[in-house]
Amino acid sequence: IVIMVIYTTIFYLSQEYFFALIAIT
């Protein structure tokens, strides 16, 4: 969960929304 929250933030800020959504899933 910790890792996924961090990667969700990183990919959202870098506008890589596909990977942000994978992390959210």
PDBML (XML) file of the C-alpha atoms, coordinates in Angstrom:
<?xml version="1.0" encoding="UTF-8" ?>
<PDBx:datablock datablockName="MODEL"
   xmlns:PDBx="http://pdbml.pdb.org/schema/pdbx-v50.xsd"
   xmlns:xsi="http://www.w3.org/2001/XMLSchema-instance"
   xsi:schemaLocation="http://pdbml.pdb.org/schema/pdbx-v50.xsd pdbx-v50.xsd">
   <PDBx:atom_siteCategory>
      <PDBx:atom_site id="1">
         <PDBx:B_iso_or_equiv>0.00</PDBx:B_iso_or_equiv>
         <PDBx:Cartn_x>0.000</PDBx:Cartn_x>
         <PDBx:Cartn_y>0.000</PDBx:Cartn_y>
         <PDBx:Cartn_z>0.000</PDBx:Cartn_z>
         <PDBx:auth_asym_id>A</PDBx:auth_asym_id>
         <PDBx:auth_atom_id>CA</PDBx:auth_atom_id>
         <PDBx:auth_comp_id>ILE</PDBx:auth_comp_id>
         <PDBx:auth_seq_id>1</PDBx:auth_seq_id>
         <PDBx:group_PDB>ATOM</PDBx:group_PDB>
         <PDBx:label_alt_id xsi:nil="true" />
         <PDBx:label_asym_id>A</PDBx:label_asym_id>
         <PDBx:label_atom_id>CA</PDBx:label_atom_id>
         <PDBx:label_comp_id>ILE</PDBx:label_comp_id>
         <PDBx:label_entity_id>1</PDBx:label_entity_id>
         <PDBx:label_seq_id>1</PDBx:label_seq_id>
         <PDBx:occupancy>1.00</PDBx:occupancy>
         <PDBx:pdbx_PDB_model_num>1</PDBx:pdbx_PDB_model_num>
         <PDBx:type_symbol>C</PDBx:type_symbol>
      </PDBx:atom_site>
      <PDBx:atom_site id="2">
         <PDBx:B_iso_or_equiv>0.00</PDBx:B_iso_or_equiv>
         <PDBx:Cartn_x>2.811</PDBx:Cartn_x>
         <PDBx:Cartn_y>2.417</PDBx:Cartn_y>
         <PDBx:Cartn_z>0.876</PDBx:Cartn_z>
         <PDBx:auth_asym_id>A</PDBx:auth_asym_id>
         <PDBx:auth_atom_id>CA</PDBx:auth_atom_id>
         <PDBx:auth_comp_id>VAL</PDBx:auth_comp_id>
         <PDBx:auth_seq_id>2</PDBx:auth_seq_id>
         <PDBx:group_PDB>ATOM</PDBx:group_PDB>
         <PDBx:label_alt_id xsi:nil="true" />
         <PDBx:label_asym_id>A</PDBx:label_asym_id>
         <PDBx:label_atom_id>CA</PDBx:label_atom_id>
         <PDBx:label_comp_id>VAL</PDBx:label_comp_id>
         <PDBx:label_entity_id>1</PDBx:label_entity_id>
         <PDBx:label_seq_id>2</PDBx:label_seq_id>
         <PDBx:occupancy>1.00</PDBx:occupancy>
         <PDBx:pdbx_PDB_model_num>1</PDBx:pdbx_PDB_model_num>
         <PDBx:type_symbol>C</PDBx:type_symbol>
      </PDBx:atom_site>
      <PDBx:atom_site id="3">
         <PDBx:B_iso_or_equiv>0.00</PDBx:B_iso_or_equiv>
         <PDBx:Cartn_x>4.605</PDBx:Cartn_x>
         <PDBx:Cartn_y>1.712</PDBx:Cartn_y>
         <PDBx:Cartn_z>-2.402</PDBx:Cartn_z>
         <PDBx:auth_asym_id>A</PDBx:auth_asym_id>
         <PDBx:auth_atom_id>CA</PDBx:auth_atom_id>
         <PDBx:auth_comp_id>ILE</PDBx:auth_comp_id>
         <PDBx:auth_seq_id>3</PDBx:auth_seq_id>
         <PDBx:group_PDB>ATOM</PDBx:group_PDB>
         <PDBx:label_alt_id xsi:nil="true" />
         <PDBx:label_asym_id>A</PDBx:label_asym_id>
         <PDBx:label_atom_id>CA</PDBx:label_atom_id>
         <PDBx:label_comp_id>ILE</PDBx:label_comp_id>
         <PDBx:label_entity_id>1</PDBx:label_entity_id>
         <PDBx:label_seq_id>3</PDBx:label_seq_id>
         <PDBx:occupancy>1.00</PDBx:occupancy>
         <PDBx:pdbx_PDB_model_num>1</PDBx:pdbx_PDB_model_num>
         <PDBx:type_symbol>C</PDBx:type_symbol>
      </PDBx:atom_site>
      <PDBx:atom_site id="4">
         <PDBx:B_iso_or_equiv>0.00</PDBx:B_iso_or_equiv>
         <PDBx:Cartn_x>1.414</PDBx:Cartn_x>
         <PDBx:Cartn_y>2.043</PDBx:Cartn_y>
         <PDBx:Cartn_z>-4.468</PDBx:Cartn_z>
         <PDBx:auth_asym_id>A</PDBx:auth_asym_id>
         <PDBx:auth_atom_id>CA</PDBx:auth_atom_id>
         <PDBx:auth_comp_id>MET</PDBx:auth_comp_id>
         <PDBx:auth_seq_id>4</PDBx:auth_seq_id>
         <PDBx:group_PDB>ATOM</PDBx:group_PDB>
         <PDBx:label_alt_id xsi:nil="true" />
         <PDBx:label_asym_id>A</PDBx:label_asym_id>
         <PDBx:label_atom_id>CA</PDBx:label_atom_id>
         <PDBx:label_comp_id>MET</PDBx:label_comp_id>
         <PDBx:label_entity_id>1</PDBx:label_entity_id>
         <PDBx:label_seq_id>4</PDBx:label_seq_id>
         <PDBx:occupancy>1.00</PDBx:occupancy>
         <PDBx:pdbx_PDB_model_num>1</PDBx:pdbx_PDB_model_num>
         <PDBx:type_symbol>C</PDBx:type_symbol>
      </PDBx:atom_site>
      <PDBx:atom_site id="5">
         <PDBx:B_iso_or_equiv>0.00</PDBx:B_iso_or_equiv>
         <PDBx:Cartn_x>0.458</PDBx:Cartn_x>
         <PDBx:Cartn_y>5.362</PDBx:Cartn_y>
         <PDBx:Cartn_z>-2.855</PDBx:Cartn_z>
         <PDBx:auth_asym_id>A</PDBx:auth_asym_id>
         <PDBx:auth_atom_id>CA</PDBx:auth_atom_id>
         <PDBx:auth_comp_id>VAL</PDBx:auth_comp_id>
         <PDBx:auth_seq_id>5</PDBx:auth_seq_id>
         <PDBx:group_PDB>ATOM</PDBx:group_PDB>
         <PDBx:label_alt_id xsi:nil="true" />
         <PDBx:label_asym_id>A</PDBx:label_asym_id>
         <PDBx:label_atom_id>CA</PDBx:label_atom_id>
         <PDBx:label_comp_id>VAL</PDBx:label_comp_id>
         <PDBx:label_entity_id>1</PDBx:label_entity_id>
         <PDBx:label_seq_id>5</PDBx:label_seq_id>
         <PDBx:occupancy>1.00</PDBx:occupancy>
         <PDBx:pdbx_PDB_model_num>1</PDBx:pdbx_PDB_model_num>
         <PDBx:type_symbol>C</PDBx:type_symbol>
      </PDBx:atom_site>
      <PDBx:atom_site id="6">
         <PDBx:B_iso_or_equiv>0.00</PDBx:B_iso_or_equiv>
         <PDBx:Cartn_x>3.882</PDBx:Cartn_x>
         <PDBx:Cartn_y>6.788</PDBx:Cartn_y>
         <PDBx:Cartn_z>-3.668</PDBx:Cartn_z>
         <PDBx:auth_asym_id>A</PDBx:auth_asym_id>
         <PDBx:auth_atom_id>CA</PDBx:auth_atom_id>
         <PDBx:auth_comp_id>ILE</PDBx:auth_comp_id>
         <PDBx:auth_seq_id>6</PDBx:auth_seq_id>
         <PDBx:group_PDB>ATOM</PDBx:group_PDB>
         <PDBx:label_alt_id xsi:nil="true" />
         <PDBx:label_asym_id>A</PDBx:label_asym_id>
         <PDBx:label_atom_id>CA</PDBx:label_atom_id>
         <PDBx:label_comp_id>ILE</PDBx:label_comp_id>
         <PDBx:label_entity_id>1</PDBx:label_entity_id>
         <PDBx:label_seq_id>6</PDBx:label_seq_id>
         <PDBx:occupancy>1.00</PDBx:occupancy>
         <PDBx:pdbx_PDB_model_num>1</PDBx:pdbx_PDB_model_num>
         <PDBx:type_symbol>C</PDBx:type_symbol>
      </PDBx:atom_site>
      <PDBx:atom_site id="7">
         <PDBx:B_iso_or_equiv>0.00</PDBx:B_iso_or_equiv>
         <PDBx:Cartn_x>3.830</PDBx:Cartn_x>
         <PDBx:Cartn_y>5.543</PDBx:Cartn_y>
         <PDBx:Cartn_z>-7.262</PDBx:Cartn_z>
         <PDBx:auth_asym_id>A</PDBx:auth_asym_id>
         <PDBx:auth_atom_id>CA</PDBx:auth_atom_id>
         <PDBx:auth_comp_id>TYR</PDBx:auth_comp_id>
         <PDBx:auth_seq_id>7</PDBx:auth_seq_id>
         <PDBx:group_PDB>ATOM</PDBx:group_PDB>
         <PDBx:label_alt_id xsi:nil="true" />
         <PDBx:label_asym_id>A</PDBx:label_asym_id>
         <PDBx:label_atom_id>CA</PDBx:label_atom_id>
         <PDBx:label_comp_id>TYR</PDBx:label_comp_id>
         <PDBx:label_entity_id>1</PDBx:label_entity_id>
         <PDBx:label_seq_id>7</PDBx:label_seq_id>
         <PDBx:occupancy>1.00</PDBx:occupancy>
         <PDBx:pdbx_PDB_model_num>1</PDBx:pdbx_PDB_model_num>
         <PDBx:type_symbol>C</PDBx:type_symbol>
      </PDBx:atom_site>
      <PDBx:atom_site id="8">
         <PDBx:B_iso_or_equiv>0.00</PDBx:B_iso_or_equiv>
         <PDBx:Cartn_x>0.280</PDBx:Cartn_x>
         <PDBx:Cartn_y>6.829</PDBx:Cartn_y>
         <PDBx:Cartn_z>-7.741</PDBx:Cartn_z>
         <PDBx:auth_asym_id>A</PDBx:auth_asym_id>
         <PDBx:auth_atom_id>CA</PDBx:auth_atom_id>
         <PDBx:auth_comp_id>THR</PDBx:auth_comp_id>
         <PDBx:auth_seq_id>8</PDBx:auth_seq_id>
         <PDBx:group_PDB>ATOM</PDBx:group_PDB>
         <PDBx:label_alt_id xsi:nil="true" />
         <PDBx:label_asym_id>A</PDBx:label_asym_id>
         <PDBx:label_atom_id>CA</PDBx:label_atom_id>
         <PDBx:label_comp_id>THR</PDBx:label_comp_id>
         <PDBx:label_entity_id>1</PDBx:label_entity_id>
         <PDBx:label_seq_id>8</PDBx:label_seq_id>
         <PDBx:occupancy>1.00</PDBx:occupancy>
         <PDBx:pdbx_PDB_model_num>1</PDBx:pdbx_PDB_model_num>
         <PDBx:type_symbol>C</PDBx:type_symbol>
      </PDBx:atom_site>
      <PDBx:atom_site id="9">
         <PDBx:B_iso_or_equiv>0.00</PDBx:B_iso_or_equiv>
         <PDBx:Cartn_x>1.491</PDBx:Cartn_x>
         <PDBx:Cartn_y>10.295</PDBx:Cartn_y>
         <PDBx:Cartn_z>-6.723</PDBx:Cartn_z>
         <PDBx:auth_asym_id>A</PDBx:auth_asym_id>
         <PDBx:auth_atom_id>CA</PDBx:auth_atom_id>
         <PDBx:auth_comp_id>THR</PDBx:auth_comp_id>
         <PDBx:auth_seq_id>9</PDBx:auth_seq_id>
         <PDBx:group_PDB>ATOM</PDBx:group_PDB>
         <PDBx:label_alt_id xsi:nil="true" />
         <PDBx:label_asym_id>A</PDBx:label_asym_id>
         <PDBx:label_atom_id>CA</PDBx:label_atom_id>
         <PDBx:label_comp_id>THR</PDBx:label_comp_id>
         <PDBx:label_entity_id>1</PDBx:label_entity_id>
         <PDBx:label_seq_id>9</PDBx:label_seq_id>
         <PDBx:occupancy>1.00</PDBx:occupancy>
         <PDBx:pdbx_PDB_model_num>1</PDBx:pdbx_PDB_model_num>
         <PDBx:type_symbol>C</PDBx:type_symbol>
      </PDBx:atom_site>
      <PDBx:atom_site id="10">
         <PDBx:B_iso_or_equiv>0.00</PDBx:B_iso_or_equiv>
         <PDBx:Cartn_x>4.596</PDBx:Cartn_x>
         <PDBx:Cartn_y>10.121</PDBx:Cartn_y>
         <PDBx:Cartn_z>-8.908</PDBx:Cartn_z>
         <PDBx:auth_asym_id>A</PDBx:auth_asym_id>
         <PDBx:auth_atom_id>CA</PDBx:auth_atom_id>
         <PDBx:auth_comp_id>ILE</PDBx:auth_comp_id>
         <PDBx:auth_seq_id>10</PDBx:auth_seq_id>
         <PDBx:group_PDB>ATOM</PDBx:group_PDB>
         <PDBx:label_alt_id xsi:nil="true" />
         <PDBx:label_asym_id>A</PDBx:label_asym_id>
         <PDBx:label_atom_id>CA</PDBx:label_atom_id>
         <PDBx:label_comp_id>ILE</PDBx:label_comp_id>
         <PDBx:label_entity_id>1</PDBx:label_entity_id>
         <PDBx:label_seq_id>10</PDBx:label_seq_id>
         <PDBx:occupancy>1.00</PDBx:occupancy>
         <PDBx:pdbx_PDB_model_num>1</PDBx:pdbx_PDB_model_num>
         <PDBx:type_symbol>C</PDBx:type_symbol>
      </PDBx:atom_site>
      <PDBx:atom_site id="11">
         <PDBx:B_iso_or_equiv>0.00</PDBx:B_iso_or_equiv>
         <PDBx:Cartn_x>2.754</PDBx:Cartn_x>
         <PDBx:Cartn_y>9.006</PDBx:Cartn_y>
         <PDBx:Cartn_z>-12.046</PDBx:Cartn_z>
         <PDBx:auth_asym_id>A</PDBx:auth_asym_id>
         <PDBx:auth_atom_id>CA</PDBx:auth_atom_id>
         <PDBx:auth_comp_id>PHE</PDBx:auth_comp_id>
         <PDBx:auth_seq_id>11</PDBx:auth_seq_id>
         <PDBx:group_PDB>ATOM</PDBx:group_PDB>
         <PDBx:label_alt_id xsi:nil="true" />
         <PDBx:label_asym_id>A</PDBx:label_asym_id>
         <PDBx:label_atom_id>CA</PDBx:label_atom_id>
         <PDBx:label_comp_id>PHE</PDBx:label_comp_id>
         <PDBx:label_entity_id>1</PDBx:label_entity_id>
         <PDBx:label_seq_id>11</PDBx:label_seq_id>
         <PDBx:occupancy>1.00</PDBx:occupancy>
         <PDBx:pdbx_PDB_model_num>1</PDBx:pdbx_PDB_model_num>
         <PDBx:type_symbol>C</PDBx:type_symbol>
      </PDBx:atom_site>
      <PDBx:atom_site id="12">
         <PDBx:B_iso_or_equiv>0.00</PDBx:B_iso_or_equiv>
         <PDBx:Cartn_x>-0.071</PDBx:Cartn_x>
         <PDBx:Cartn_y>11.478</PDBx:Cartn_y>
         <PDBx:Cartn_z>-11.496</PDBx:Cartn_z>
         <PDBx:auth_asym_id>A</PDBx:auth_asym_id>
         <PDBx:auth_atom_id>CA</PDBx:auth_atom_id>
         <PDBx:auth_comp_id>TYR</PDBx:auth_comp_id>
         <PDBx:auth_seq_id>12</PDBx:auth_seq_id>
         <PDBx:group_PDB>ATOM</PDBx:group_PDB>
         <PDBx:label_alt_id xsi:nil="true" />
         <PDBx:label_asym_id>A</PDBx:label_asym_id>
         <PDBx:label_atom_id>CA</PDBx:label_atom_id>
         <PDBx:label_comp_id>TYR</PDBx:label_comp_id>
         <PDBx:label_entity_id>1</PDBx:label_entity_id>
         <PDBx:label_seq_id>12</PDBx:label_seq_id>
         <PDBx:occupancy>1.00</PDBx:occupancy>
         <PDBx:pdbx_PDB_model_num>1</PDBx:pdbx_PDB_model_num>
         <PDBx:type_symbol>C</PDBx:type_symbol>
      </PDBx:atom_site>
      <PDBx:atom_site id="13">
         <PDBx:B_iso_or_equiv>0.00</PDBx:B_iso_or_equiv>
         <PDBx:Cartn_x>2.386</PDBx:Cartn_x>
         <PDBx:Cartn_y>14.375</PDBx:Cartn_y>
         <PDBx:Cartn_z>-11.224</PDBx:Cartn_z>
         <PDBx:auth_asym_id>A</PDBx:auth_asym_id>
         <PDBx:auth_atom_id>CA</PDBx:auth_atom_id>
         <PDBx:auth_comp_id>LEU</PDBx:auth_comp_id>
         <PDBx:auth_seq_id>13</PDBx:auth_seq_id>
         <PDBx:group_PDB>ATOM</PDBx:group_PDB>
         <PDBx:label_alt_id xsi:nil="true" />
         <PDBx:label_asym_id>A</PDBx:label_asym_id>
         <PDBx:label_atom_id>CA</PDBx:label_atom_id>
         <PDBx:label_comp_id>LEU</PDBx:label_comp_id>
         <PDBx:label_entity_id>1</PDBx:label_entity_id>
         <PDBx:label_seq_id>13</PDBx:label_seq_id>
         <PDBx:occupancy>1.00</PDBx:occupancy>
         <PDBx:pdbx_PDB_model_num>1</PDBx:pdbx_PDB_model_num>
         <PDBx:type_symbol>C</PDBx:type_symbol>
      </PDBx:atom_site>
      <PDBx:atom_site id="14">
         <PDBx:B_iso_or_equiv>0.00</PDBx:B_iso_or_equiv>
         <PDBx:Cartn_x>4.295</PDBx:Cartn_x>
         <PDBx:Cartn_y>13.150</PDBx:Cartn_y>
         <PDBx:Cartn_z>-14.294</PDBx:Cartn_z>
         <PDBx:auth_asym_id>A</PDBx:auth_asym_id>
         <PDBx:auth_atom_id>CA</PDBx:auth_atom_id>
         <PDBx:auth_comp_id>SER</PDBx:auth_comp_id>
         <PDBx:auth_seq_id>14</PDBx:auth_seq_id>
         <PDBx:group_PDB>ATOM</PDBx:group_PDB>
         <PDBx:label_alt_id xsi:nil="true" />
         <PDBx:label_asym_id>A</PDBx:label_asym_id>
         <PDBx:label_atom_id>CA</PDBx:label_atom_id>
         <PDBx:label_comp_id>SER</PDBx:label_comp_id>
         <PDBx:label_entity_id>1</PDBx:label_entity_id>
         <PDBx:label_seq_id>14</PDBx:label_seq_id>
         <PDBx:occupancy>1.00</PDBx:occupancy>
         <PDBx:pdbx_PDB_model_num>1</PDBx:pdbx_PDB_model_num>
         <PDBx:type_symbol>C</PDBx:type_symbol>
      </PDBx:atom_site>
      <PDBx:atom_site id="15">
         <PDBx:B_iso_or_equiv>0.00</PDBx:B_iso_or_equiv>
         <PDBx:Cartn_x>0.973</PDBx:Cartn_x>
         <PDBx:Cartn_y>12.758</PDBx:Cartn_y>
         <PDBx:Cartn_z>-16.198</PDBx:Cartn_z>
         <PDBx:auth_asym_id>A</PDBx:auth_asym_id>
         <PDBx:auth_atom_id>CA</PDBx:auth_atom_id>
         <PDBx:auth_comp_id>GLN</PDBx:auth_comp_id>
         <PDBx:auth_seq_id>15</PDBx:auth_seq_id>
         <PDBx:group_PDB>ATOM</PDBx:group_PDB>
         <PDBx:label_alt_id xsi:nil="true" />
         <PDBx:label_asym_id>A</PDBx:label_asym_id>
         <PDBx:label_atom_id>CA</PDBx:label_atom_id>
         <PDBx:label_comp_id>GLN</PDBx:label_comp_id>
         <PDBx:label_entity_id>1</PDBx:label_entity_id>
         <PDBx:label_seq_id>15</PDBx:label_seq_id>
         <PDBx:occupancy>1.00</PDBx:occupancy>
         <PDBx:pdbx_PDB_model_num>1</PDBx:pdbx_PDB_model_num>
         <PDBx:type_symbol>C</PDBx:type_symbol>
      </PDBx:atom_site>
      <PDBx:atom_site id="16">
         <PDBx:B_iso_or_equiv>0.00</PDBx:B_iso_or_equiv>
         <PDBx:Cartn_x>1.471</PDBx:Cartn_x>
         <PDBx:Cartn_y>9.026</PDBx:Cartn_y>
         <PDBx:Cartn_z>-16.773</PDBx:Cartn_z>
         <PDBx:auth_asym_id>A</PDBx:auth_asym_id>
         <PDBx:auth_atom_id>CA</PDBx:auth_atom_id>
         <PDBx:auth_comp_id>GLU</PDBx:auth_comp_id>
         <PDBx:auth_seq_id>16</PDBx:auth_seq_id>
         <PDBx:group_PDB>ATOM</PDBx:group_PDB>
         <PDBx:label_alt_id xsi:nil="true" />
         <PDBx:label_asym_id>A</PDBx:label_asym_id>
         <PDBx:label_atom_id>CA</PDBx:label_atom_id>
         <PDBx:label_comp_id>GLU</PDBx:label_comp_id>
         <PDBx:label_entity_id>1</PDBx:label_entity_id>
         <PDBx:label_seq_id>16</PDBx:label_seq_id>
         <PDBx:occupancy>1.00</PDBx:occupancy>
         <PDBx:pdbx_PDB_model_num>1</PDBx:pdbx_PDB_model_num>
         <PDBx:type_symbol>C</PDBx:type_symbol>
      </PDBx:atom_site>
      <PDBx:atom_site id="17">
         <PDBx:B_iso_or_equiv>0.00</PDBx:B_iso_or_equiv>
         <PDBx:Cartn_x>-2.159</PDBx:Cartn_x>
         <PDBx:Cartn_y>8.306</PDBx:Cartn_y>
         <PDBx:Cartn_z>-15.942</PDBx:Cartn_z>
         <PDBx:auth_asym_id>A</PDBx:auth_asym_id>
         <PDBx:auth_atom_id>CA</PDBx:auth_atom_id>
         <PDBx:auth_comp_id>TYR</PDBx:auth_comp_id>
         <PDBx:auth_seq_id>17</PDBx:auth_seq_id>
         <PDBx:group_PDB>ATOM</PDBx:group_PDB>
         <PDBx:label_alt_id xsi:nil="true" />
         <PDBx:label_asym_id>A</PDBx:label_asym_id>
         <PDBx:label_atom_id>CA</PDBx:label_atom_id>
         <PDBx:label_comp_id>TYR</PDBx:label_comp_id>
         <PDBx:label_entity_id>1</PDBx:label_entity_id>
         <PDBx:label_seq_id>17</PDBx:label_seq_id>
         <PDBx:occupancy>1.00</PDBx:occupancy>
         <PDBx:pdbx_PDB_model_num>1</PDBx:pdbx_PDB_model_num>
         <PDBx:type_symbol>C</PDBx:type_symbol>
      </PDBx:atom_site>
      <PDBx:atom_site id="18">
         <PDBx:B_iso_or_equiv>0.00</PDBx:B_iso_or_equiv>
         <PDBx:Cartn_x>-2.223</PDBx:Cartn_x>
         <PDBx:Cartn_y>4.705</PDBx:Cartn_y>
         <PDBx:Cartn_z>-17.175</PDBx:Cartn_z>
         <PDBx:auth_asym_id>A</PDBx:auth_asym_id>
         <PDBx:auth_atom_id>CA</PDBx:auth_atom_id>
         <PDBx:auth_comp_id>PHE</PDBx:auth_comp_id>
         <PDBx:auth_seq_id>18</PDBx:auth_seq_id>
         <PDBx:group_PDB>ATOM</PDBx:group_PDB>
         <PDBx:label_alt_id xsi:nil="true" />
         <PDBx:label_asym_id>A</PDBx:label_asym_id>
         <PDBx:label_atom_id>CA</PDBx:label_atom_id>
         <PDBx:label_comp_id>PHE</PDBx:label_comp_id>
         <PDBx:label_entity_id>1</PDBx:label_entity_id>
         <PDBx:label_seq_id>18</PDBx:label_seq_id>
         <PDBx:occupancy>1.00</PDBx:occupancy>
         <PDBx:pdbx_PDB_model_num>1</PDBx:pdbx_PDB_model_num>
         <PDBx:type_symbol>C</PDBx:type_symbol>
      </PDBx:atom_site>
      <PDBx:atom_site id="19">
         <PDBx:B_iso_or_equiv>0.00</PDBx:B_iso_or_equiv>
         <PDBx:Cartn_x>0.370</PDBx:Cartn_x>
         <PDBx:Cartn_y>3.655</PDBx:Cartn_y>
         <PDBx:Cartn_z>-14.601</PDBx:Cartn_z>
         <PDBx:auth_asym_id>A</PDBx:auth_asym_id>
         <PDBx:auth_atom_id>CA</PDBx:auth_atom_id>
         <PDBx:auth_comp_id>PHE</PDBx:auth_comp_id>
         <PDBx:auth_seq_id>19</PDBx:auth_seq_id>
         <PDBx:group_PDB>ATOM</PDBx:group_PDB>
         <PDBx:label_alt_id xsi:nil="true" />
         <PDBx:label_asym_id>A</PDBx:label_asym_id>
         <PDBx:label_atom_id>CA</PDBx:label_atom_id>
         <PDBx:label_comp_id>PHE</PDBx:label_comp_id>
         <PDBx:label_entity_id>1</PDBx:label_entity_id>
         <PDBx:label_seq_id>19</PDBx:label_seq_id>
         <PDBx:occupancy>1.00</PDBx:occupancy>
         <PDBx:pdbx_PDB_model_num>1</PDBx:pdbx_PDB_model_num>
         <PDBx:type_symbol>C</PDBx:type_symbol>
      </PDBx:atom_site>
      <PDBx:atom_site id="20">
         <PDBx:B_iso_or_equiv>0.00</PDBx:B_iso_or_equiv>
         <PDBx:Cartn_x>-1.234</PDBx:Cartn_x>
         <PDBx:Cartn_y>5.794</PDBx:Cartn_y>
         <PDBx:Cartn_z>-11.893</PDBx:Cartn_z>
         <PDBx:auth_asym_id>A</PDBx:auth_asym_id>
         <PDBx:auth_atom_id>CA</PDBx:auth_atom_id>
         <PDBx:auth_comp_id>ALA</PDBx:auth_comp_id>
         <PDBx:auth_seq_id>20</PDBx:auth_seq_id>
         <PDBx:group_PDB>ATOM</PDBx:group_PDB>
         <PDBx:label_alt_id xsi:nil="true" />
         <PDBx:label_asym_id>A</PDBx:label_asym_id>
         <PDBx:label_atom_id>CA</PDBx:label_atom_id>
         <PDBx:label_comp_id>ALA</PDBx:label_comp_id>
         <PDBx:label_entity_id>1</PDBx:label_entity_id>
         <PDBx:label_seq_id>20</PDBx:label_seq_id>
         <PDBx:occupancy>1.00</PDBx:occupancy>
         <PDBx:pdbx_PDB_model_num>1</PDBx:pdbx_PDB_model_num>
         <PDBx:type_symbol>C</PDBx:type_symbol>
      </PDBx:atom_site>
      <PDBx:atom_site id="21">
         <PDBx:B_iso_or_equiv>0.00</PDBx:B_iso_or_equiv>
         <PDBx:Cartn_x>-4.492</PDBx:Cartn_x>
         <PDBx:Cartn_y>3.904</PDBx:Cartn_y>
         <PDBx:Cartn_z>-12.442</PDBx:Cartn_z>
         <PDBx:auth_asym_id>A</PDBx:auth_asym_id>
         <PDBx:auth_atom_id>CA</PDBx:auth_atom_id>
         <PDBx:auth_comp_id>LEU</PDBx:auth_comp_id>
         <PDBx:auth_seq_id>21</PDBx:auth_seq_id>
         <PDBx:group_PDB>ATOM</PDBx:group_PDB>
         <PDBx:label_alt_id xsi:nil="true" />
         <PDBx:label_asym_id>A</PDBx:label_asym_id>
         <PDBx:label_atom_id>CA</PDBx:label_atom_id>
         <PDBx:label_comp_id>LEU</PDBx:label_comp_id>
         <PDBx:label_entity_id>1</PDBx:label_entity_id>
         <PDBx:label_seq_id>21</PDBx:label_seq_id>
         <PDBx:occupancy>1.00</PDBx:occupancy>
         <PDBx:pdbx_PDB_model_num>1</PDBx:pdbx_PDB_model_num>
         <PDBx:type_symbol>C</PDBx:type_symbol>
      </PDBx:atom_site>
      <PDBx:atom_site id="22">
         <PDBx:B_iso_or_equiv>0.00</PDBx:B_iso_or_equiv>
         <PDBx:Cartn_x>-2.703</PDBx:Cartn_x>
         <PDBx:Cartn_y>0.549</PDBx:Cartn_y>
         <PDBx:Cartn_z>-12.256</PDBx:Cartn_z>
         <PDBx:auth_asym_id>A</PDBx:auth_asym_id>
         <PDBx:auth_atom_id>CA</PDBx:auth_atom_id>
         <PDBx:auth_comp_id>ILE</PDBx:auth_comp_id>
         <PDBx:auth_seq_id>22</PDBx:auth_seq_id>
         <PDBx:group_PDB>ATOM</PDBx:group_PDB>
         <PDBx:label_alt_id xsi:nil="true" />
         <PDBx:label_asym_id>A</PDBx:label_asym_id>
         <PDBx:label_atom_id>CA</PDBx:label_atom_id>
         <PDBx:label_comp_id>ILE</PDBx:label_comp_id>
         <PDBx:label_entity_id>1</PDBx:label_entity_id>
         <PDBx:label_seq_id>22</PDBx:label_seq_id>
         <PDBx:occupancy>1.00</PDBx:occupancy>
         <PDBx:pdbx_PDB_model_num>1</PDBx:pdbx_PDB_model_num>
         <PDBx:type_symbol>C</PDBx:type_symbol>
      </PDBx:atom_site>
      <PDBx:atom_site id="23">
         <PDBx:B_iso_or_equiv>0.00</PDBx:B_iso_or_equiv>
         <PDBx:Cartn_x>-1.233</PDBx:Cartn_x>
         <PDBx:Cartn_y>1.591</PDBx:Cartn_y>
         <PDBx:Cartn_z>-8.898</PDBx:Cartn_z>
         <PDBx:auth_asym_id>A</PDBx:auth_asym_id>
         <PDBx:auth_atom_id>CA</PDBx:auth_atom_id>
         <PDBx:auth_comp_id>ALA</PDBx:auth_comp_id>
         <PDBx:auth_seq_id>23</PDBx:auth_seq_id>
         <PDBx:group_PDB>ATOM</PDBx:group_PDB>
         <PDBx:label_alt_id xsi:nil="true" />
         <PDBx:label_asym_id>A</PDBx:label_asym_id>
         <PDBx:label_atom_id>CA</PDBx:label_atom_id>
         <PDBx:label_comp_id>ALA</PDBx:label_comp_id>
         <PDBx:label_entity_id>1</PDBx:label_entity_id>
         <PDBx:label_seq_id>23</PDBx:label_seq_id>
         <PDBx:occupancy>1.00</PDBx:occupancy>
         <PDBx:pdbx_PDB_model_num>1</PDBx:pdbx_PDB_model_num>
         <PDBx:type_symbol>C</PDBx:type_symbol>
      </PDBx:atom_site>
      <PDBx:atom_site id="24">
         <PDBx:B_iso_or_equiv>0.00</PDBx:B_iso_or_equiv>
         <PDBx:Cartn_x>-4.697</PDBx:Cartn_x>
         <PDBx:Cartn_y>2.694</PDBx:Cartn_y>
         <PDBx:Cartn_z>-7.714</PDBx:Cartn_z>
         <PDBx:auth_asym_id>A</PDBx:auth_asym_id>
         <PDBx:auth_atom_id>CA</PDBx:auth_atom_id>
         <PDBx:auth_comp_id>ILE</PDBx:auth_comp_id>
         <PDBx:auth_seq_id>24</PDBx:auth_seq_id>
         <PDBx:group_PDB>ATOM</PDBx:group_PDB>
         <PDBx:label_alt_id xsi:nil="true" />
         <PDBx:label_asym_id>A</PDBx:label_asym_id>
         <PDBx:label_atom_id>CA</PDBx:label_atom_id>
         <PDBx:label_comp_id>ILE</PDBx:label_comp_id>
         <PDBx:label_entity_id>1</PDBx:label_entity_id>
         <PDBx:label_seq_id>24</PDBx:label_seq_id>
         <PDBx:occupancy>1.00</PDBx:occupancy>
         <PDBx:pdbx_PDB_model_num>1</PDBx:pdbx_PDB_model_num>
         <PDBx:type_symbol>C</PDBx:type_symbol>
      </PDBx:atom_site>
      <PDBx:atom_site id="25">
         <PDBx:B_iso_or_equiv>0.00</PDBx:B_iso_or_equiv>
         <PDBx:Cartn_x>-6.183</PDBx:Cartn_x>
         <PDBx:Cartn_y>-0.661</PDBx:Cartn_y>
         <PDBx:Cartn_z>-8.738</PDBx:Cartn_z>
         <PDBx:auth_asym_id>A</PDBx:auth_asym_id>
         <PDBx:auth_atom_id>CA</PDBx:auth_atom_id>
         <PDBx:auth_comp_id>THR</PDBx:auth_comp_id>
         <PDBx:auth_seq_id>25</PDBx:auth_seq_id>
         <PDBx:group_PDB>ATOM</PDBx:group_PDB>
         <PDBx:label_alt_id xsi:nil="true" />
         <PDBx:label_asym_id>A</PDBx:label_asym_id>
         <PDBx:label_atom_id>CA</PDBx:label_atom_id>
         <PDBx:label_comp_id>THR</PDBx:label_comp_id>
         <PDBx:label_entity_id>1</PDBx:label_entity_id>
         <PDBx:label_seq_id>25</PDBx:label_seq_id>
         <PDBx:occupancy>1.00</PDBx:occupancy>
         <PDBx:pdbx_PDB_model_num>1</PDBx:pdbx_PDB_model_num>
         <PDBx:type_symbol>C</PDBx:type_symbol>
      </PDBx:atom_site>
   </PDBx:atom_siteCategory>
</PDBx:datablock>
